[in-house]
Amino acid sequence: MKDDSREHLVVAFSAGTVAEAMVIRSLLQSEGINSPDPAPAYPFPLSESIEGSLATDILVLESKSNEARRVIDEYLKGNAGADAASDE
């Protein structure tokens, strides 16, 4: 069994919003690819939530990065095709 605890995490995708990041993390999880959910570390409290507008990096183990990017690309292409079809 391979020890993943020492393997580097790499950015597989930068989501535009927290919601998009959640969808993509769920997609990767369904494919057996773990992506930790990093907790933002704000240096000071904010009076209103900006969570919906923050870009979020999707991190995966380096050994899974090519597979993760393939899964994400297929998902994004599928959504682009669905968006184009709904515009017609």
Protein backbone atom coordinates (compact mmCIF):
# COMPACT_ATOMS: atom_id res chain seq x y z
CA MET A 1 0.00 0.00 0.00
CA LYS A 2 1.34 3.43 -0.96
CA ASP A 3 1.80 6.02 1.78
CA ASP A 4 -0.09 9.09 0.47
CA SER A 5 0.62 11.12 3.61
CA ARG A 6 3.94 12.37 2.22
CA GLU A 7 2.74 13.08 -1.28
CA HIS A 8 2.47 16.70 -2.38
CA LEU A 9 -0.85 18.38 -3.07
CA VAL A 10 -1.14 20.30 -6.33
CA VAL A 11 -3.77 22.64 -7.75
CA ALA A 12 -5.88 20.75 -10.29
CA PHE A 13 -8.34 23.61 -10.91
CA SER A 14 -9.16 27.10 -9.64
CA ALA A 15 -12.91 27.45 -9.18
CA GLY A 16 -14.46 30.88 -9.51
CA THR A 17 -16.75 30.46 -6.51
CA VAL A 18 -17.04 28.33 -3.41
CA ALA A 19 -20.20 26.73 -4.86
CA GLU A 20 -18.36 25.68 -8.03
CA ALA A 21 -15.53 24.28 -5.90
CA MET A 22 -18.02 22.21 -3.89
CA VAL A 23 -19.53 20.75 -7.07
CA ILE A 24 -16.12 19.87 -8.50
CA ARG A 25 -14.90 18.36 -5.22
CA SER A 26 -18.04 16.20 -5.13
CA LEU A 27 -17.45 15.15 -8.72
CA LEU A 28 -13.85 14.18 -7.96
CA GLN A 29 -14.94 12.31 -4.82
CA SER A 30 -17.43 10.29 -6.89
CA GLU A 31 -14.49 9.29 -9.12
CA GLY A 32 -12.44 8.21 -6.09
CA ILE A 33 -10.18 11.27 -6.09
CA ASN A 34 -9.85 12.97 -2.71
CA SER A 35 -9.75 16.76 -2.63
CA PRO A 36 -9.42 18.37 0.78
CA ASP A 37 -11.70 21.29 1.57
CA PRO A 38 -9.34 24.02 2.74
CA ALA A 39 -10.76 26.23 5.46
CA PRO A 40 -10.11 29.89 4.67
CA ALA A 41 -7.96 31.63 7.24
CA TYR A 42 -9.09 35.24 7.37
CA PRO A 43 -6.81 37.53 9.39
CA PHE A 44 -9.81 39.55 10.62
CA PRO A 45 -13.58 38.97 10.80
CA LEU A 46 -15.73 40.42 8.04
CA SER A 47 -19.08 42.07 8.62
CA GLU A 48 -20.61 40.27 5.65
CA SER A 49 -19.90 36.97 3.97
CA ILE A 50 -17.91 37.07 0.76
CA GLU A 51 -17.77 33.29 0.50
CA GLY A 52 -19.87 33.14 -2.67
CA SER A 53 -17.41 35.25 -4.61
CA LEU A 54 -14.06 33.81 -3.50
CA ALA A 55 -11.98 31.83 -5.95
CA THR A 56 -11.06 28.43 -4.54
CA ASP A 57 -8.24 26.13 -5.55
CA ILE A 58 -9.07 22.44 -5.94
CA LEU A 59 -6.18 20.48 -4.46
CA VAL A 60 -5.44 16.83 -5.21
CA LEU A 61 -2.55 14.44 -4.66
CA GLU A 62 0.12 14.93 -7.29
CA SER A 63 -0.29 11.32 -8.47
CA LYS A 64 -4.01 11.95 -9.14
CA SER A 65 -3.62 15.37 -10.78
CA ASN A 66 -3.79 14.23 -14.42
CA GLU A 67 -6.87 12.11 -13.76
CA ALA A 68 -8.50 14.93 -11.78
CA ARG A 69 -7.88 17.44 -14.58
CA ARG A 70 -9.33 15.01 -17.14
CA VAL A 71 -12.50 14.54 -15.03
CA ILE A 72 -12.85 18.31 -14.53
CA ASP A 73 -12.29 19.03 -18.25
CA GLU A 74 -14.97 16.50 -19.23
CA TYR A 75 -17.38 18.05 -16.74
CA LEU A 76 -16.70 21.59 -17.98
CA LYS A 77 -17.05 20.56 -21.65
CA GLY A 78 -20.37 18.88 -20.84
CA ASN A 79 -21.63 22.02 -19.14
CA ALA A 80 -20.45 24.23 -22.03
CA GLY A 81 -22.39 22.03 -24.44
CA ALA A 82 -25.50 22.19 -22.25
CA ASP A 83 -25.24 25.98 -22.04
CA ALA A 84 -24.92 26.28 -25.83
CA ALA A 85 -27.94 24.04 -26.37
CA SER A 86 -30.08 26.08 -23.96
CA ASP A 87 -29.17 29.30 -25.82
CA GLU A 88 -30.69 27.98 -29.06
